[in-house]
């Protein structure tokens, strides 16, 4: 039985389309765990109650996979350079197929390749939905640094990357390189946020974030502070990433499944405000936009229409 080598794992991961890979030993995220508890205590997670579940698991991957010895961290570039209109803007991460599906498929392929060589290997794939601190592990693995907007920034692709992990029971050769913080004195993201959701460098009050409001919040109406400052965003928000100086290094993704779906950046607000459940399910099947549900999309579009003096109720 062949022993797994980190260099071979990285080469296979790159072959599968991942741009950055780092491998580090499993350990408890003590400092990061403390900061998570402090963040939750201030209720900055709002209605995202799932973030408050199992904080211990988020801090220690061994509670997810007791046999875990190593964390394989990956980053996948998703940037698309296409522009979009000033209204009905959709966050770039949702222009193509759901990133959960794409990353899961690639990580499963990597896991299956590893199992061919080490059949008794135990592995757990984590793509955003598992209780694991993706950004903290990406930083530890040298993928990038945590920007002041609280997104991980890479030298090569800015912050336009999806993150994923695989916990494995094998001991591997580990990376020791840590990317230093290159934000410097820049405050572009703090200055540009319409709702002042970035309340201090490296600190986000998600309850004031446009992405939180338009995607996660299930209320019939958006909070006033968000609703009055949508800046044209109907799903998510990319402002803090767009203004980041490191975004000038963005490169178009090579992943075809992230190609913008037809009409995704040009669907009229009126159509969104009156969209039926059937149309929503059909149009956004396999898309991350389904996260907001049809009621959320209609609410967001209606709010934007009202801000421009249109109700949207007579349009269909």
C-alpha atoms as a PDB file:
ATOM      1  CA  UNK A   1       0.000   0.000   0.000  1.00  0.00           C
ATOM      2  CA  UNK A   2       1.475   3.314  -1.126  1.00  0.00           C
ATOM      3  CA  UNK A   3       1.983   6.001   1.496  1.00  0.00           C
ATOM      4  CA  UNK A   4       0.336   9.290   0.621  1.00  0.00           C
ATOM      5  CA  UNK A   5       2.680  12.171  -0.135  1.00  0.00           C
ATOM      6  CA  UNK A   6       1.671  15.817   0.192  1.00  0.00           C
ATOM      7  CA  UNK A   7       3.347  16.715  -3.099  1.00  0.00           C
ATOM      8  CA  UNK A   8       1.282  14.099  -4.929  1.00  0.00           C
ATOM      9  CA  UNK A   9      -1.928  15.271  -3.246  1.00  0.00           C
ATOM     10  CA  UNK A  10      -1.228  18.860  -4.269  1.00  0.00           C
ATOM     11  CA  UNK A  11      -0.453  17.843  -7.830  1.00  0.00           C
ATOM     12  CA  UNK A  12      -3.729  15.903  -8.051  1.00  0.00           C
ATOM     13  CA  UNK A  13      -5.668  18.795  -6.522  1.00  0.00           C
ATOM     14  CA  UNK A  14      -4.241  21.163  -9.121  1.00  0.00           C
ATOM     15  CA  UNK A  15      -5.098  18.673 -11.846  1.00  0.00           C
ATOM     16  CA  UNK A  16      -8.692  18.760 -10.587  1.00  0.00           C
ATOM     17  CA  UNK A  17      -8.748  22.532 -10.938  1.00  0.00           C
ATOM     18  CA  UNK A  18      -7.862  23.926  -7.516  1.00  0.00           C
ATOM     19  CA  UNK A  19      -5.565  26.945  -7.688  1.00  0.00           C
ATOM     20  CA  UNK A  20      -4.182  26.866  -4.153  1.00  0.00           C
ATOM     21  CA  UNK A  21      -3.619  23.962  -1.757  1.00  0.00           C
ATOM     22  CA  UNK A  22      -2.190  23.920   1.749  1.00  0.00           C
ATOM     23  CA  UNK A  23      -1.832  21.015   4.186  1.00  0.00           C
ATOM     24  CA  UNK A  24      -1.549  21.504   7.936  1.00  0.00           C
ATOM     25  CA  UNK A  25      -1.867  19.315  11.041  1.00  0.00           C
ATOM     26  CA  UNK A  26      -5.179  19.093  12.851  1.00  0.00           C
ATOM     27  CA  UNK A  27      -5.264  21.067  16.070  1.00  0.00           C
ATOM     28  CA  UNK A  28      -7.747  23.013  18.124  1.00  0.00           C
ATOM     29  CA  UNK A  29      -8.288  26.585  16.905  1.00  0.00           C
ATOM     30  CA  UNK A  30      -7.992  28.090  20.365  1.00  0.00           C
ATOM     31  CA  UNK A  31      -7.575  31.785  19.548  1.00  0.00           C
ATOM     32  CA  UNK A  32      -9.995  31.656  16.641  1.00  0.00           C
ATOM     33  CA  UNK A  33     -12.501  29.841  18.860  1.00  0.00           C
ATOM     34  CA  UNK A  34     -12.335  32.610  21.453  1.00  0.00           C
ATOM     35  CA  UNK A  35     -12.968  35.231  18.774  1.00  0.00           C
ATOM     36  CA  UNK A  36     -15.924  33.194  17.480  1.00  0.00           C
ATOM     37  CA  UNK A  37     -17.479  33.077  20.951  1.00  0.00           C
ATOM     38  CA  UNK A  38     -17.013  36.839  21.329  1.00  0.00           C
ATOM     39  CA  UNK A  39     -18.581  37.460  17.891  1.00  0.00           C
ATOM     40  CA  UNK A  40     -21.568  35.252  18.707  1.00  0.00           C
ATOM     41  CA  UNK A  41     -21.991  36.886  22.124  1.00  0.00           C
ATOM     42  CA  UNK A  42     -22.483  40.241  20.399  1.00  0.00           C
ATOM     43  CA  UNK A  43     -25.193  38.684  18.219  1.00  0.00           C
ATOM     44  CA  UNK A  44     -23.370  39.698  15.055  1.00  0.00           C
ATOM     45  CA  UNK A  45     -24.648  36.479  13.444  1.00  0.00           C
ATOM     46  CA  UNK A  46     -28.274  37.596  13.746  1.00  0.00           C
ATOM     47  CA  UNK A  47     -30.719  35.041  12.329  1.00  0.00           C
ATOM     48  CA  UNK A  48     -27.922  32.710  11.207  1.00  0.00           C
ATOM     49  CA  UNK A  49     -28.589  30.526  14.223  1.00  0.00           C
ATOM     50  CA  UNK A  50     -26.685  27.611  12.723  1.00  0.00           C
ATOM     51  CA  UNK A  51     -23.443  29.483  13.396  1.00  0.00           C
ATOM     52  CA  UNK A  52     -24.133  29.300  17.124  1.00  0.00           C
ATOM     53  CA  UNK A  53     -24.648  25.537  17.055  1.00  0.00           C
ATOM     54  CA  UNK A  54     -21.722  23.350  18.051  1.00  0.00           C
ATOM     55  CA  UNK A  55     -19.102  26.092  18.474  1.00  0.00           C
ATOM     56  CA  UNK A  56     -16.777  23.475  19.952  1.00  0.00           C
ATOM     57  CA  UNK A  57     -16.913  21.488  16.706  1.00  0.00           C
ATOM     58  CA  UNK A  58     -16.055  24.623  14.764  1.00  0.00           C
ATOM     59  CA  UNK A  59     -12.984  25.078  16.920  1.00  0.00           C
ATOM     60  CA  UNK A  60     -11.746  21.471  16.824  1.00  0.00           C
ATOM     61  CA  UNK A  61     -12.100  19.316  13.678  1.00  0.00           C
ATOM     62  CA  UNK A  62     -11.411  16.178  15.705  1.00  0.00           C
ATOM     63  CA  UNK A  63     -14.983  16.460  16.944  1.00  0.00           C
ATOM     64  CA  UNK A  64     -16.056  16.070  13.310  1.00  0.00           C
ATOM     65  CA  UNK A  65     -13.628  13.250  12.503  1.00  0.00           C
ATOM     66  CA  UNK A  66     -11.981  11.754  15.618  1.00  0.00           C
ATOM     67  CA  UNK A  67      -9.244  10.098  13.552  1.00  0.00           C
ATOM     68  CA  UNK A  68      -8.314  13.322  11.747  1.00  0.00           C
ATOM     69  CA  UNK A  69      -4.627  14.135  11.659  1.00  0.00           C
ATOM     70  CA  UNK A  70      -4.376  16.488   8.698  1.00  0.00           C
ATOM     71  CA  UNK A  71      -6.409  19.238   7.059  1.00  0.00           C
ATOM     72  CA  UNK A  72      -6.136  19.639   3.286  1.00  0.00           C
ATOM     73  CA  UNK A  73      -7.229  23.186   2.431  1.00  0.00           C
ATOM     74  CA  UNK A  74      -8.096  24.243  -1.102  1.00  0.00           C
ATOM     75  CA  UNK A  75      -9.073  27.432  -2.912  1.00  0.00           C
ATOM     76  CA  UNK A  76     -10.909  27.684  -6.218  1.00  0.00           C
ATOM     77  CA  UNK A  77     -10.956  30.902  -8.235  1.00  0.00           C
ATOM     78  CA  UNK A  78     -14.458  31.910  -9.334  1.00  0.00           C
ATOM     79  CA  UNK A  79     -13.933  35.419 -10.729  1.00  0.00           C
ATOM     80  CA  UNK A  80     -15.867  36.439 -13.822  1.00  0.00           C
ATOM     81  CA  UNK A  81     -14.977  39.808 -15.403  1.00  0.00           C
ATOM     82  CA  UNK A  82     -18.386  40.480 -16.956  1.00  0.00           C
ATOM     83  CA  UNK A  83     -20.109  43.678 -15.851  1.00  0.00           C
ATOM     84  CA  UNK A  84     -23.702  43.945 -14.702  1.00  0.00           C
ATOM     85  CA  UNK A  85     -26.333  46.695 -14.605  1.00  0.00           C
ATOM     86  CA  UNK A  86     -26.664  49.232 -11.808  1.00  0.00           C
ATOM     87  CA  UNK A  87     -29.884  47.585 -10.628  1.00  0.00           C
ATOM     88  CA  UNK A  88     -30.721  43.928  -9.976  1.00  0.00           C
ATOM     89  CA  UNK A  89     -27.089  43.134  -9.192  1.00  0.00           C
ATOM     90  CA  UNK A  90     -26.194  39.569  -8.222  1.00  0.00           C
ATOM     91  CA  UNK A  91     -23.035  38.640  -6.335  1.00  0.00           C
ATOM     92  CA  UNK A  92     -20.456  37.062  -8.647  1.00  0.00           C
ATOM     93  CA  UNK A  93     -20.289  33.881  -6.618  1.00  0.00           C
ATOM     94  CA  UNK A  94     -23.854  33.041  -7.710  1.00  0.00           C
ATOM     95  CA  UNK A  95     -23.538  33.706 -11.445  1.00  0.00           C
ATOM     96  CA  UNK A  96     -22.903  30.080 -12.372  1.00  0.00           C
ATOM     97  CA  UNK A  97     -23.623  26.697 -10.816  1.00  0.00           C
ATOM     98  CA  UNK A  98     -23.819  26.310  -7.057  1.00  0.00           C
ATOM     99  CA  UNK A  99     -20.257  26.312  -5.733  1.00  0.00           C
ATOM    100  CA  UNK A 100     -21.156  23.707  -3.107  1.00  0.00           C
ATOM    101  CA  UNK A 101     -21.762  21.168  -5.877  1.00  0.00           C
ATOM    102  CA  UNK A 102     -18.619  22.094  -7.804  1.00  0.00           C
ATOM    103  CA  UNK A 103     -16.284  21.975  -4.804  1.00  0.00           C
ATOM    104  CA  UNK A 104     -17.895  18.810  -3.448  1.00  0.00           C
ATOM    105  CA  UNK A 105     -17.378  17.050  -6.766  1.00  0.00           C
ATOM    106  CA  UNK A 106     -13.733  18.063  -7.000  1.00  0.00           C
ATOM    107  CA  UNK A 107     -12.969  17.154  -3.375  1.00  0.00           C
ATOM    108  CA  UNK A 108     -14.737  13.802  -3.751  1.00  0.00           C
ATOM    109  CA  UNK A 109     -12.578  13.088  -6.786  1.00  0.00           C
ATOM    110  CA  UNK A 110      -9.485  13.937  -4.725  1.00  0.00           C
ATOM    111  CA  UNK A 111     -10.680  11.738  -1.860  1.00  0.00           C
ATOM    112  CA  UNK A 112     -11.432   8.799  -4.176  1.00  0.00           C
ATOM    113  CA  UNK A 113      -7.970   9.114  -5.725  1.00  0.00           C
ATOM    114  CA  UNK A 114      -6.433   9.025  -2.240  1.00  0.00           C
ATOM    115  CA  UNK A 115      -8.550   6.000  -1.260  1.00  0.00           C
ATOM    116  CA  UNK A 116      -7.265   4.076  -4.274  1.00  0.00           C
ATOM    117  CA  UNK A 117      -3.803   4.270  -2.734  1.00  0.00           C
ATOM    118  CA  UNK A 118      -4.779   4.083   0.930  1.00  0.00           C
ATOM    119  CA  UNK A 119      -8.067   2.148   1.224  1.00  0.00           C
ATOM    120  CA  UNK A 120      -8.233   2.395   5.010  1.00  0.00           C
ATOM    121  CA  UNK A 121      -8.007   6.203   4.929  1.00  0.00           C
ATOM    122  CA  UNK A 122     -10.786   8.036   6.755  1.00  0.00           C
ATOM    123  CA  UNK A 123     -11.789  11.368   5.277  1.00  0.00           C
ATOM    124  CA  UNK A 124     -14.435  14.042   5.707  1.00  0.00           C
ATOM    125  CA  UNK A 125     -15.146  16.694   3.085  1.00  0.00           C
ATOM    126  CA  UNK A 126     -16.160  20.148   4.279  1.00  0.00           C
ATOM    127  CA  UNK A 127     -17.610  22.741   1.911  1.00  0.00           C
ATOM    128  CA  UNK A 128     -19.142  25.656   3.779  1.00  0.00           C
ATOM    129  CA  UNK A 129     -22.018  23.648   5.264  1.00  0.00           C
ATOM    130  CA  UNK A 130     -19.959  21.660   7.798  1.00  0.00           C
ATOM    131  CA  UNK A 131     -19.239  23.279  11.197  1.00  0.00           C
ATOM    132  CA  UNK A 132     -15.638  24.159  10.441  1.00  0.00           C
ATOM    133  CA  UNK A 133     -13.876  27.525  10.348  1.00  0.00           C
ATOM    134  CA  UNK A 134     -12.991  27.672   6.652  1.00  0.00           C
ATOM    135  CA  UNK A 135     -11.258  31.036   6.740  1.00  0.00           C
ATOM    136  CA  UNK A 136      -9.184  30.231   9.809  1.00  0.00           C
ATOM    137  CA  UNK A 137      -7.879  27.038   8.225  1.00  0.00           C
ATOM    138  CA  UNK A 138      -7.181  28.774   4.915  1.00  0.00           C
ATOM    139  CA  UNK A 139      -5.023  31.297   6.770  1.00  0.00           C
ATOM    140  CA  UNK A 140      -3.207  28.579   8.698  1.00  0.00           C
ATOM    141  CA  UNK A 141      -2.571  26.685   5.474  1.00  0.00           C
ATOM    142  CA  UNK A 142      -1.016  29.707   3.770  1.00  0.00           C
ATOM    143  CA  UNK A 143      -3.830  30.127   1.229  1.00  0.00           C
ATOM    144  CA  UNK A 144      -4.094  33.829   2.025  1.00  0.00           C
ATOM    145  CA  UNK A 145      -4.667  36.308   4.815  1.00  0.00           C
ATOM    146  CA  UNK A 146      -7.824  37.536   6.488  1.00  0.00           C
ATOM    147  CA  UNK A 147      -8.664  40.922   5.022  1.00  0.00           C
ATOM    148  CA  UNK A 148     -10.211  43.810   6.905  1.00  0.00           C
ATOM    149  CA  UNK A 149     -13.532  42.927   5.233  1.00  0.00           C
ATOM    150  CA  UNK A 150     -13.206  39.470   6.882  1.00  0.00           C
ATOM    151  CA  UNK A 151     -12.784  37.617   3.574  1.00  0.00           C
ATOM    152  CA  UNK A 152      -9.637  35.639   2.827  1.00  0.00           C
ATOM    153  CA  UNK A 153      -7.469  37.479   0.293  1.00  0.00           C
ATOM    154  CA  UNK A 154      -4.935  35.748  -1.935  1.00  0.00           C
ATOM    155  CA  UNK A 155      -2.052  37.419  -3.727  1.00  0.00           C
ATOM    156  CA  UNK A 156      -2.980  35.767  -7.021  1.00  0.00           C
ATOM    157  CA  UNK A 157      -6.785  36.090  -7.157  1.00  0.00           C
ATOM    158  CA  UNK A 158      -7.795  38.673  -4.592  1.00  0.00           C
ATOM    159  CA  UNK A 159     -10.693  37.411  -2.473  1.00  0.00           C
ATOM    160  CA  UNK A 160     -12.563  35.792  -5.396  1.00  0.00           C
ATOM    161  CA  UNK A 161     -11.989  32.242  -4.177  1.00  0.00           C
ATOM    162  CA  UNK A 162     -14.152  29.489  -2.748  1.00  0.00           C
ATOM    163  CA  UNK A 163     -12.672  27.600   0.181  1.00  0.00           C
ATOM    164  CA  UNK A 164     -12.953  23.926   1.067  1.00  0.00           C
ATOM    165  CA  UNK A 165     -11.296  21.389   3.328  1.00  0.00           C
ATOM    166  CA  UNK A 166     -10.797  17.671   3.672  1.00  0.00           C
ATOM    167  CA  UNK A 167     -10.018  16.142   7.029  1.00  0.00           C
ATOM    168  CA  UNK A 168      -7.984  12.953   6.680  1.00  0.00           C
ATOM    169  CA  UNK A 169      -6.698  10.334   9.103  1.00  0.00           C
ATOM    170  CA  UNK A 170      -3.227  10.264   7.521  1.00  0.00           C
ATOM    171  CA  UNK A 171      -0.213  12.135   8.806  1.00  0.00           C
ATOM    172  CA  UNK A 172       1.302  14.122   5.939  1.00  0.00           C
ATOM    173  CA  UNK A 173       4.105  16.591   5.240  1.00  0.00           C
ATOM    174  CA  UNK A 174       2.877  19.989   6.391  1.00  0.00           C
ATOM    175  CA  UNK A 175       3.140  23.529   5.122  1.00  0.00           C
ATOM    176  CA  UNK A 176       4.607  26.083   7.488  1.00  0.00           C
ATOM    177  CA  UNK A 177       4.278  29.197   5.313  1.00  0.00           C
ATOM    178  CA  UNK A 178       1.812  31.790   6.593  1.00  0.00           C
ATOM    179  CA  UNK A 179       0.864  34.651   4.285  1.00  0.00           C
ATOM    180  CA  UNK A 180       1.348  37.904   6.148  1.00  0.00           C
ATOM    181  CA  UNK A 181      -1.378  40.534   6.285  1.00  0.00           C
ATOM    182  CA  UNK A 182      -0.996  42.826   3.272  1.00  0.00           C
ATOM    183  CA  UNK A 183      -3.923  45.144   4.011  1.00  0.00           C
ATOM    184  CA  UNK A 184      -1.630  47.747   5.530  1.00  0.00           C
ATOM    185  CA  UNK A 185      -3.313  51.079   6.237  1.00  0.00           C
ATOM    186  CA  UNK A 186      -5.953  50.588   3.535  1.00  0.00           C
ATOM    187  CA  UNK A 187      -9.575  51.105   4.629  1.00  0.00           C
ATOM    188  CA  UNK A 188     -11.237  50.944   1.203  1.00  0.00           C
ATOM    189  CA  UNK A 189     -13.657  48.196   2.222  1.00  0.00           C
ATOM    190  CA  UNK A 190     -14.716  49.957   5.435  1.00  0.00           C
ATOM    191  CA  UNK A 191     -15.186  53.261   3.620  1.00  0.00           C
ATOM    192  CA  UNK A 192     -17.246  51.754   0.780  1.00  0.00           C
ATOM    193  CA  UNK A 193     -19.723  49.626   2.752  1.00  0.00           C
ATOM    194  CA  UNK A 194     -23.132  51.373   2.395  1.00  0.00           C
ATOM    195  CA  UNK A 195     -24.452  49.998   5.685  1.00  0.00           C
ATOM    196  CA  UNK A 196     -21.229  50.249   7.741  1.00  0.00           C
ATOM    197  CA  UNK A 197     -21.400  46.516   8.348  1.00  0.00           C
ATOM    198  CA  UNK A 198     -17.600  46.380   8.706  1.00  0.00           C
ATOM    199  CA  UNK A 199     -17.695  48.069  12.090  1.00  0.00           C
ATOM    200  CA  UNK A 200     -13.914  47.894  12.543  1.00  0.00           C
ATOM    201  CA  UNK A 201     -11.016  46.315  10.667  1.00  0.00           C
ATOM    202  CA  UNK A 202     -11.491  42.533  10.649  1.00  0.00           C
ATOM    203  CA  UNK A 203     -14.868  42.791  12.395  1.00  0.00           C
ATOM    204  CA  UNK A 204     -18.197  42.320  10.624  1.00  0.00           C
ATOM    205  CA  UNK A 205     -21.655  42.874  12.056  1.00  0.00           C
ATOM    206  CA  UNK A 206     -23.461  40.498   9.708  1.00  0.00           C
ATOM    207  CA  UNK A 207     -26.865  41.861  10.733  1.00  0.00           C
ATOM    208  CA  UNK A 208     -25.990  45.079   8.880  1.00  0.00           C
ATOM    209  CA  UNK A 209     -24.558  43.354   5.816  1.00  0.00           C
ATOM    210  CA  UNK A 210     -26.408  43.525   2.476  1.00  0.00           C
ATOM    211  CA  UNK A 211     -25.483  39.911   1.724  1.00  0.00           C
ATOM    212  CA  UNK A 212     -26.956  38.783   5.035  1.00  0.00           C
ATOM    213  CA  UNK A 213     -30.140  40.757   4.462  1.00  0.00           C
ATOM    214  CA  UNK A 214     -30.742  39.697   0.878  1.00  0.00           C
ATOM    215  CA  UNK A 215     -29.785  36.035   1.314  1.00  0.00           C
ATOM    216  CA  UNK A 216     -30.035  34.822   4.904  1.00  0.00           C
ATOM    217  CA  UNK A 217     -32.818  36.918   6.389  1.00  0.00           C
ATOM    218  CA  UNK A 218     -36.293  35.377   6.135  1.00  0.00           C
ATOM    219  CA  UNK A 219     -38.300  38.426   7.261  1.00  0.00           C
ATOM    220  CA  UNK A 220     -41.111  39.836   5.114  1.00  0.00           C
ATOM    221  CA  UNK A 221     -39.336  43.192   4.975  1.00  0.00           C
ATOM    222  CA  UNK A 222     -35.668  44.086   4.997  1.00  0.00           C
ATOM    223  CA  UNK A 223     -34.341  46.076   7.959  1.00  0.00           C
ATOM    224  CA  UNK A 224     -34.505  49.780   7.156  1.00  0.00           C
ATOM    225  CA  UNK A 225     -30.737  50.295   7.283  1.00  0.00           C
ATOM    226  CA  UNK A 226     -30.250  47.580   4.654  1.00  0.00           C
ATOM    227  CA  UNK A 227     -33.357  48.266   2.570  1.00  0.00           C
ATOM    228  CA  UNK A 228     -32.476  51.930   2.111  1.00  0.00           C
ATOM    229  CA  UNK A 229     -28.872  51.190   1.152  1.00  0.00           C
ATOM    230  CA  UNK A 230     -29.059  48.225  -1.211  1.00  0.00           C
ATOM    231  CA  UNK A 231     -27.127  50.110  -3.908  1.00  0.00           C
ATOM    232  CA  UNK A 232     -28.806  47.980  -6.567  1.00  0.00           C
ATOM    233  CA  UNK A 233     -28.020  44.588  -5.009  1.00  0.00           C
ATOM    234  CA  UNK A 234     -30.840  42.048  -5.248  1.00  0.00           C
ATOM    235  CA  UNK A 235     -28.789  39.006  -4.170  1.00  0.00           C
ATOM    236  CA  UNK A 236     -25.638  39.318  -2.110  1.00  0.00           C
ATOM    237  CA  UNK A 237     -23.127  42.144  -2.377  1.00  0.00           C
ATOM    238  CA  UNK A 238     -19.580  42.419  -3.742  1.00  0.00           C
ATOM    239  CA  UNK A 239     -18.781  46.019  -2.824  1.00  0.00           C
ATOM    240  CA  UNK A 240     -16.064  45.295  -0.268  1.00  0.00           C
ATOM    241  CA  UNK A 241     -14.382  42.901  -2.690  1.00  0.00           C
ATOM    242  CA  UNK A 242     -14.769  45.159  -5.726  1.00  0.00           C
ATOM    243  CA  UNK A 243     -13.029  48.090  -4.026  1.00  0.00           C
ATOM    244  CA  UNK A 244     -10.203  46.021  -2.560  1.00  0.00           C
ATOM    245  CA  UNK A 245      -6.883  46.946  -4.233  1.00  0.00           C
ATOM    246  CA  UNK A 246      -5.973  43.269  -4.365  1.00  0.00           C
ATOM    247  CA  UNK A 247      -8.881  42.706  -6.750  1.00  0.00           C
ATOM    248  CA  UNK A 248      -6.714  44.166  -9.518  1.00  0.00           C
ATOM    249  CA  UNK A 249      -4.979  40.796  -9.584  1.00  0.00           C
ATOM    250  CA  UNK A 250      -8.232  38.997 -10.374  1.00  0.00           C
ATOM    251  CA  UNK A 251      -8.044  36.432 -13.161  1.00  0.00           C
ATOM    252  CA  UNK A 252     -10.990  34.880 -15.010  1.00  0.00           C
ATOM    253  CA  UNK A 253     -11.844  31.451 -13.660  1.00  0.00           C
ATOM    254  CA  UNK A 254     -11.102  28.414 -15.800  1.00  0.00           C
ATOM    255  CA  UNK A 255     -14.046  26.513 -14.304  1.00  0.00           C
ATOM    256  CA  UNK A 256     -16.782  26.354 -16.984  1.00  0.00           C
ATOM    257  CA  UNK A 257     -19.519  25.752 -14.421  1.00  0.00           C
ATOM    258  CA  UNK A 258     -18.970  29.257 -13.064  1.00  0.00           C
ATOM    259  CA  UNK A 259     -19.818  30.795 -16.434  1.00  0.00           C
ATOM    260  CA  UNK A 260     -22.727  33.231 -15.928  1.00  0.00           C
ATOM    261  CA  UNK A 261     -26.067  31.630 -16.632  1.00  0.00           C
ATOM    262  CA  UNK A 262     -28.148  33.254 -19.379  1.00  0.00           C
ATOM    263  CA  UNK A 263     -29.899  36.356 -18.074  1.00  0.00           C
ATOM    264  CA  UNK A 264     -28.401  36.110 -14.590  1.00  0.00           C
ATOM    265  CA  UNK A 265     -27.047  39.663 -14.724  1.00  0.00           C
ATOM    266  CA  UNK A 266     -29.854  41.148 -16.809  1.00  0.00           C
ATOM    267  CA  UNK A 267     -33.107  39.851 -15.339  1.00  0.00           C
ATOM    268  CA  UNK A 268     -35.478  42.826 -14.792  1.00  0.00           C
ATOM    269  CA  UNK A 269     -36.425  43.703 -11.242  1.00  0.00           C
ATOM    270  CA  UNK A 270     -40.084  43.597 -12.214  1.00  0.00           C
ATOM    271  CA  UNK A 271     -39.725  39.967 -13.263  1.00  0.00           C
ATOM    272  CA  UNK A 272     -38.041  39.108  -9.973  1.00  0.00           C
ATOM    273  CA  UNK A 273     -40.660  40.947  -7.909  1.00  0.00           C
ATOM    274  CA  UNK A 274     -43.478  38.863  -9.374  1.00  0.00           C
ATOM    275  CA  UNK A 275     -41.668  35.564  -9.985  1.00  0.00           C
ATOM    276  CA  UNK A 276     -43.660  32.412  -9.297  1.00  0.00           C
ATOM    277  CA  UNK A 277     -42.332  29.505  -7.277  1.00  0.00           C
ATOM    278  CA  UNK A 278     -42.336  27.354 -10.413  1.00  0.00           C
ATOM    279  CA  UNK A 279     -40.289  29.847 -12.404  1.00  0.00           C
ATOM    280  CA  UNK A 280     -37.900  30.379  -9.498  1.00  0.00           C
ATOM    281  CA  UNK A 281     -37.330  26.627  -9.106  1.00  0.00           C
ATOM    282  CA  UNK A 282     -36.797  26.160 -12.836  1.00  0.00           C
ATOM    283  CA  UNK A 283     -34.568  29.179 -13.450  1.00  0.00           C
ATOM    284  CA  UNK A 284     -32.353  28.722 -10.400  1.00  0.00           C
ATOM    285  CA  UNK A 285     -32.117  24.938 -10.235  1.00  0.00           C
ATOM    286  CA  UNK A 286     -28.533  24.092  -9.297  1.00  0.00           C
ATOM    287  CA  UNK A 287     -27.812  27.745  -8.475  1.00  0.00           C
ATOM    288  CA  UNK A 288     -26.748  29.307  -5.182  1.00  0.00           C
ATOM    289  CA  UNK A 289     -29.564  31.840  -5.644  1.00  0.00           C
ATOM    290  CA  UNK A 290     -32.033  29.223  -4.444  1.00  0.00           C
ATOM    291  CA  UNK A 291     -30.689  29.967  -0.956  1.00  0.00           C
ATOM    292  CA  UNK A 292     -32.756  33.135  -0.694  1.00  0.00           C
ATOM    293  CA  UNK A 293     -35.987  31.318  -1.689  1.00  0.00           C
ATOM    294  CA  UNK A 294     -38.567  32.904  -3.962  1.00  0.00           C
ATOM    295  CA  UNK A 295     -40.071  34.991  -1.159  1.00  0.00           C
ATOM    296  CA  UNK A 296     -36.688  36.520  -0.396  1.00  0.00           C
ATOM    297  CA  UNK A 297     -35.929  37.329  -4.021  1.00  0.00           C
ATOM    298  CA  UNK A 298     -39.347  38.940  -4.504  1.00  0.00           C
ATOM    299  CA  UNK A 299     -38.862  40.961  -1.311  1.00  0.00           C
ATOM    300  CA  UNK A 300     -35.435  42.170  -2.401  1.00  0.00           C
ATOM    301  CA  UNK A 301     -36.636  43.144  -5.881  1.00  0.00           C
ATOM    302  CA  UNK A 302     -39.717  44.855  -4.474  1.00  0.00           C
ATOM    303  CA  UNK A 303     -37.570  46.857  -2.063  1.00  0.00           C
ATOM    304  CA  UNK A 304     -35.344  48.051  -4.897  1.00  0.00           C
ATOM    305  CA  UNK A 305     -38.352  48.955  -7.034  1.00  0.00           C
ATOM    306  CA  UNK A 306     -39.875  50.941  -4.188  1.00  0.00           C
ATOM    307  CA  UNK A 307     -36.634  52.854  -3.753  1.00  0.00           C
ATOM    308  CA  UNK A 308     -36.917  53.998  -7.374  1.00  0.00           C
ATOM    309  CA  UNK A 309     -40.623  54.816  -7.158  1.00  0.00           C
ATOM    310  CA  UNK A 310     -41.961  51.641  -8.777  1.00  0.00           C
ATOM    311  CA  UNK A 311     -44.086  49.059  -7.010  1.00  0.00           C
ATOM    312  CA  UNK A 312     -43.565  46.278  -9.528  1.00  0.00           C
ATOM    313  CA  UNK A 313     -47.015  44.923  -8.712  1.00  0.00           C
ATOM    314  CA  UNK A 314     -48.420  45.622 -12.160  1.00  0.00           C
ATOM    315  CA  UNK A 315     -45.522  44.084 -14.019  1.00  0.00           C
ATOM    316  CA  UNK A 316     -45.482  40.419 -14.998  1.00  0.00           C
END
